[in-house]
């Protein structure tokens, strides 16, 4: 890490994430545009108070159920996610029996190898979607994200796409796949098009998802199916927007000065 951040700093976690993204950019894991994307997400994290809210908890429950019910789940990894939480992704991959696959918008083989290395340094044994392995194609998608591994995303029935592009989310859903995303912006096309949207910071969402899968996997299948069936992604997104609205209203009220007493009604001395 290029900067030592004192743990007592009030913005410690936020600054730590920034440094991870900067280091990821230096290592060719993160594209330059990823710096902008991270800043946008950080702004939305401020709006939700930088903590996991009930609407995100509900989405995590549904996502855990979806993972456990999937025939072949796959975890799609881009540069920002690889920089922010590689160890947690590897743990999720192991627990959910979901292979990791590199998928990049700004795609070069050098960046694919850099992301692969970040994952393997974190403990991954196998990483799909690198080099010629990404020989499959997502129909009607023009960006480099159309390239997928036939062993992974192309054959998956569930794809976990944290910090994803909206066009590929939409294309994956059109292919009949269940798509889970993590997106701090409830208005993004990714959030709006995904099957399950966890409106939370990825460094909180992935550990929560991992813990929930471990907690519920021993339940009867019908209970896990009910967890998924009762989830409504539209209601979750609506809840996120209402939460932001109400929180901003409360914060605005706190900024107002105390009302002055009417003329002639002040305290007597």
Protein backbone atom coordinates (compact mmCIF):
# COMPACT_ATOMS: atom_id res chain seq x y z
CA UNK A 1 0.00 0.00 0.00
CA UNK A 2 1.37 3.39 -1.00
CA UNK A 3 0.03 5.24 2.07
CA UNK A 4 -0.05 4.29 5.73
CA UNK A 5 -3.44 5.23 7.15
CA UNK A 6 -3.77 5.61 10.94
CA UNK A 7 -6.49 3.27 12.24
CA UNK A 8 -7.88 6.09 14.39
CA UNK A 9 -8.57 8.21 11.29
CA UNK A 10 -12.35 8.80 11.08
CA UNK A 11 -12.29 7.88 7.38
CA UNK A 12 -10.05 4.84 7.82
CA UNK A 13 -12.17 2.27 5.94
CA UNK A 14 -12.96 4.66 3.11
CA UNK A 15 -9.33 5.70 2.69
CA UNK A 16 -8.22 2.07 2.83
CA UNK A 17 -10.53 1.22 -0.06
CA UNK A 18 -9.20 4.16 -2.05
CA UNK A 19 -5.64 2.98 -1.54
CA UNK A 20 -6.54 -0.54 -2.62
CA UNK A 21 -8.05 0.83 -5.82
CA UNK A 22 -5.00 3.03 -6.45
CA UNK A 23 -2.64 0.11 -5.85
CA UNK A 24 -4.82 -2.02 -8.14
CA UNK A 25 -4.49 0.60 -10.85
CA UNK A 26 -0.71 0.60 -10.47
CA UNK A 27 -0.71 -3.21 -10.75
CA UNK A 28 -2.87 -3.09 -13.93
CA UNK A 29 -5.73 -4.82 -12.10
CA UNK A 30 -7.94 -1.71 -12.11
CA UNK A 31 -8.56 0.34 -15.25
CA UNK A 32 -8.21 4.12 -15.01
CA UNK A 33 -11.98 4.40 -15.43
CA UNK A 34 -12.31 2.19 -12.36
CA UNK A 35 -11.09 5.10 -10.23
CA UNK A 36 -14.08 7.14 -11.39
CA UNK A 37 -16.46 4.26 -10.80
CA UNK A 38 -15.16 3.81 -7.26
CA UNK A 39 -15.66 7.49 -6.47
CA UNK A 40 -19.24 7.33 -7.70
CA UNK A 41 -19.92 4.35 -5.50
CA UNK A 42 -18.33 6.02 -2.49
CA UNK A 43 -20.70 8.95 -2.91
CA UNK A 44 -23.71 6.64 -2.74
CA UNK A 45 -22.22 4.91 0.31
CA UNK A 46 -22.29 8.29 2.03
CA UNK A 47 -25.99 8.57 1.19
CA UNK A 48 -26.86 5.27 2.90
CA UNK A 49 -24.71 6.09 5.93
CA UNK A 50 -21.89 3.64 5.14
CA UNK A 51 -23.63 0.71 6.76
CA UNK A 52 -25.73 -2.27 5.68
CA UNK A 53 -29.42 -1.32 5.71
CA UNK A 54 -32.45 -3.66 5.94
CA UNK A 55 -33.11 -3.62 2.18
CA UNK A 56 -29.57 -4.92 1.61
CA UNK A 57 -29.97 -7.58 4.29
CA UNK A 58 -33.10 -8.85 2.53
CA UNK A 59 -31.24 -9.00 -0.78
CA UNK A 60 -28.35 -10.90 0.82
CA UNK A 61 -30.81 -13.49 2.18
CA UNK A 62 -32.31 -13.96 -1.28
CA UNK A 63 -28.89 -14.08 -2.92
CA UNK A 64 -27.72 -16.77 -0.52
CA UNK A 65 -30.80 -18.83 -1.31
CA UNK A 66 -30.24 -18.36 -5.05
CA UNK A 67 -26.65 -19.55 -4.76
CA UNK A 68 -27.70 -22.66 -2.85
CA UNK A 69 -30.44 -23.49 -5.37
CA UNK A 70 -28.34 -22.89 -8.47
CA UNK A 71 -27.25 -25.71 -10.75
CA UNK A 72 -24.06 -23.93 -11.75
CA UNK A 73 -23.28 -20.58 -10.10
CA UNK A 74 -20.32 -18.51 -11.34
CA UNK A 75 -18.66 -15.44 -9.83
CA UNK A 76 -17.70 -12.80 -12.39
CA UNK A 77 -14.69 -10.71 -11.33
CA UNK A 78 -13.65 -7.31 -12.66
CA UNK A 79 -10.68 -5.18 -11.69
CA UNK A 80 -12.29 -3.14 -8.91
CA UNK A 81 -13.67 -6.20 -7.13
CA UNK A 82 -10.34 -8.01 -7.45
CA UNK A 83 -8.59 -5.01 -5.87
CA UNK A 84 -11.11 -4.52 -3.05
CA UNK A 85 -11.94 -7.99 -1.76
CA UNK A 86 -10.03 -10.84 -3.47
CA UNK A 87 -9.78 -13.05 -0.36
CA UNK A 88 -13.51 -12.77 0.32
CA UNK A 89 -14.28 -13.70 -3.31
CA UNK A 90 -12.09 -16.77 -3.05
CA UNK A 91 -13.84 -17.79 0.17
CA UNK A 92 -17.25 -17.27 -1.44
CA UNK A 93 -16.17 -19.31 -4.45
CA UNK A 94 -15.18 -22.21 -2.20
CA UNK A 95 -18.24 -22.07 0.03
CA UNK A 96 -20.74 -21.69 -2.82
CA UNK A 97 -18.94 -24.07 -5.21
CA UNK A 98 -18.91 -21.24 -7.73
CA UNK A 99 -15.86 -20.82 -9.99
CA UNK A 100 -14.25 -17.41 -10.42
CA UNK A 101 -14.17 -15.93 -13.93
CA UNK A 102 -12.35 -12.80 -15.08
CA UNK A 103 -14.52 -10.45 -17.13
CA UNK A 104 -13.36 -6.95 -18.07
CA UNK A 105 -14.73 -4.02 -20.05
CA UNK A 106 -11.23 -2.58 -20.69
CA UNK A 107 -9.90 -5.97 -21.64
CA UNK A 108 -6.30 -6.86 -22.48
CA UNK A 109 -4.56 -10.12 -21.78
CA UNK A 110 -2.16 -8.25 -19.50
CA UNK A 111 -5.07 -7.08 -17.34
CA UNK A 112 -6.66 -10.54 -17.42
CA UNK A 113 -3.39 -12.00 -16.13
CA UNK A 114 -3.11 -9.28 -13.47
CA UNK A 115 -6.61 -10.02 -12.15
CA UNK A 116 -5.91 -13.74 -12.27
CA UNK A 117 -2.73 -13.18 -10.24
CA UNK A 118 -4.60 -11.08 -7.65
CA UNK A 119 -7.10 -13.91 -7.18
CA UNK A 120 -4.46 -16.64 -7.06
CA UNK A 121 -2.39 -14.62 -4.60
CA UNK A 122 -5.55 -14.59 -2.44
CA UNK A 123 -5.80 -18.38 -2.59
CA UNK A 124 -7.72 -19.21 -5.78
CA UNK A 125 -6.61 -22.41 -7.47
CA UNK A 126 -8.46 -22.01 -10.76
CA UNK A 127 -9.61 -18.85 -12.54
CA UNK A 128 -11.70 -19.02 -15.72
CA UNK A 129 -11.93 -16.54 -18.58
CA UNK A 130 -8.26 -15.73 -19.14
CA UNK A 131 -6.77 -15.44 -22.62
CA UNK A 132 -8.05 -17.96 -25.17
CA UNK A 133 -10.23 -19.59 -22.52
CA UNK A 134 -12.75 -16.75 -23.02
CA UNK A 135 -13.87 -18.24 -26.34
CA UNK A 136 -17.61 -18.02 -25.76
CA UNK A 137 -19.73 -15.01 -26.73
CA UNK A 138 -22.76 -13.32 -25.17
CA UNK A 139 -25.21 -12.54 -27.99
CA UNK A 140 -26.00 -8.93 -28.92
CA UNK A 141 -23.25 -7.46 -26.76
CA UNK A 142 -20.62 -5.35 -28.47
CA UNK A 143 -18.08 -4.68 -25.70
CA UNK A 144 -15.22 -6.92 -24.66
CA UNK A 145 -17.44 -8.11 -21.82
CA UNK A 146 -19.16 -10.33 -24.40
CA UNK A 147 -16.21 -12.73 -24.16
CA UNK A 148 -16.90 -15.47 -21.62
CA UNK A 149 -15.58 -18.89 -20.72
CA UNK A 150 -17.74 -21.78 -22.03
CA UNK A 151 -16.99 -23.65 -18.78
CA UNK A 152 -18.12 -20.71 -16.68
CA UNK A 153 -20.48 -17.83 -17.38
CA UNK A 154 -21.69 -19.19 -20.71
CA UNK A 155 -22.97 -22.39 -19.08
CA UNK A 156 -24.02 -20.87 -15.74
CA UNK A 157 -27.60 -20.58 -14.56
CA UNK A 158 -26.61 -17.98 -11.94
CA UNK A 159 -23.98 -15.27 -12.32
CA UNK A 160 -22.80 -13.07 -9.46
CA UNK A 161 -21.68 -9.77 -11.02
CA UNK A 162 -20.57 -7.27 -8.35
CA UNK A 163 -19.78 -3.77 -9.70
CA UNK A 164 -21.07 -4.74 -13.12
CA UNK A 165 -21.90 -2.96 -16.39
CA UNK A 166 -25.61 -2.60 -17.10
CA UNK A 167 -25.44 -3.81 -20.67
CA UNK A 168 -23.99 -7.18 -19.75
CA UNK A 169 -26.38 -7.60 -16.82
CA UNK A 170 -29.25 -7.04 -19.21
CA UNK A 171 -27.77 -9.48 -21.74
CA UNK A 172 -27.24 -12.19 -19.12
CA UNK A 173 -30.83 -11.87 -17.90
CA UNK A 174 -32.03 -12.06 -21.52
CA UNK A 175 -30.15 -15.37 -21.81
CA UNK A 176 -32.30 -16.74 -18.98
CA UNK A 177 -29.68 -16.53 -16.26
CA UNK A 178 -30.36 -15.39 -12.71
CA UNK A 179 -28.12 -12.39 -12.03
CA UNK A 180 -27.07 -11.15 -8.59
CA UNK A 181 -25.26 -7.85 -8.33
CA UNK A 182 -23.81 -5.52 -5.70
CA UNK A 183 -24.35 -1.88 -6.60
CA UNK A 184 -24.44 1.15 -4.29
CA UNK A 185 -26.45 3.09 -6.88
CA UNK A 186 -30.08 1.85 -6.87
CA UNK A 187 -30.75 3.90 -10.02
CA UNK A 188 -28.08 2.24 -12.18
CA UNK A 189 -29.11 0.05 -15.10
CA UNK A 190 -27.29 -2.85 -13.44
CA UNK A 191 -29.32 -2.43 -10.26
CA UNK A 192 -32.55 -2.06 -12.20
CA UNK A 193 -31.98 -5.06 -14.50
CA UNK A 194 -30.49 -7.62 -12.12
CA UNK A 195 -32.58 -10.37 -10.57
CA UNK A 196 -31.27 -9.57 -7.08
CA UNK A 197 -29.57 -6.26 -6.27
CA UNK A 198 -27.63 -5.84 -3.05
CA UNK A 199 -27.46 -2.07 -2.52
CA UNK A 200 -24.39 -2.01 -0.32
CA UNK A 201 -20.64 -1.66 -0.40
CA UNK A 202 -19.02 -4.77 -1.85
CA UNK A 203 -16.61 -5.05 1.09
CA UNK A 204 -19.64 -5.47 3.38
CA UNK A 205 -21.87 -7.39 0.98
CA UNK A 206 -19.53 -10.25 0.06
CA UNK A 207 -18.70 -11.25 3.66
CA UNK A 208 -22.39 -10.98 4.57
CA UNK A 209 -23.33 -13.20 1.63
CA UNK A 210 -20.67 -15.73 2.57
CA UNK A 211 -21.85 -15.85 6.19
CA UNK A 212 -25.50 -16.19 5.16
CA UNK A 213 -24.80 -19.08 2.80
CA UNK A 214 -22.97 -20.89 5.58
CA UNK A 215 -25.81 -20.16 8.03
CA UNK A 216 -28.73 -21.36 5.90
CA UNK A 217 -27.27 -24.15 3.77
CA UNK A 218 -28.40 -26.86 6.24
CA UNK A 219 -32.04 -25.77 6.11
CA UNK A 220 -34.57 -27.89 4.20
CA UNK A 221 -34.71 -27.08 0.51
CA UNK A 222 -38.31 -25.85 0.69
CA UNK A 223 -37.31 -23.23 3.27
CA UNK A 224 -34.48 -22.00 1.05
CA UNK A 225 -36.90 -21.85 -1.90
CA UNK A 226 -39.30 -19.76 0.20
CA UNK A 227 -36.48 -17.33 1.06
CA UNK A 228 -36.01 -16.69 -2.63
CA UNK A 229 -39.69 -16.68 -3.60
CA UNK A 230 -40.69 -14.01 -1.10
CA UNK A 231 -37.98 -11.60 -2.27
CA UNK A 232 -39.05 -8.67 -4.47
CA UNK A 233 -36.17 -6.81 -6.12
CA UNK A 234 -38.37 -3.86 -7.06
CA UNK A 235 -39.44 -3.49 -3.43
CA UNK A 236 -35.81 -3.65 -2.31
CA UNK A 237 -34.79 -0.90 -4.74
CA UNK A 238 -37.77 1.19 -3.69
CA UNK A 239 -36.73 0.66 -0.08
CA UNK A 240 -33.22 1.87 -0.86
CA UNK A 241 -34.49 5.04 -2.53
CA UNK A 242 -36.93 5.77 0.30
CA UNK A 243 -34.17 5.18 2.84
CA UNK A 244 -31.90 7.68 1.07
CA UNK A 245 -34.76 10.20 0.78
CA UNK A 246 -35.69 9.92 4.45
CA UNK A 247 -32.10 10.01 5.65
CA UNK A 248 -31.33 13.11 3.61
CA UNK A 249 -34.46 14.75 4.98
CA UNK A 250 -33.38 14.00 8.54
CA UNK A 251 -29.89 15.30 7.90
CA UNK A 252 -31.30 18.46 6.34
CA UNK A 253 -33.50 19.04 9.38
CA UNK A 254 -30.47 18.74 11.64
CA UNK A 255 -28.79 21.59 9.77
CA UNK A 256 -31.60 24.05 10.46
CA UNK A 257 -30.93 26.61 13.20
CA UNK A 258 -33.22 26.51 16.22
CA UNK A 259 -36.28 28.69 15.70
CA UNK A 260 -35.97 32.11 17.35
CA UNK A 261 -38.71 32.93 19.90
CA UNK A 262 -41.40 35.36 18.72
CA UNK A 263 -40.77 39.05 19.36
CA UNK A 264 -41.56 39.98 22.94
CA UNK A 265 -41.68 36.32 24.00
CA UNK A 266 -38.03 35.90 24.90
CA UNK A 267 -36.78 34.83 28.31
CA UNK A 268 -37.09 37.49 31.02
CA UNK A 269 -33.92 38.57 32.76
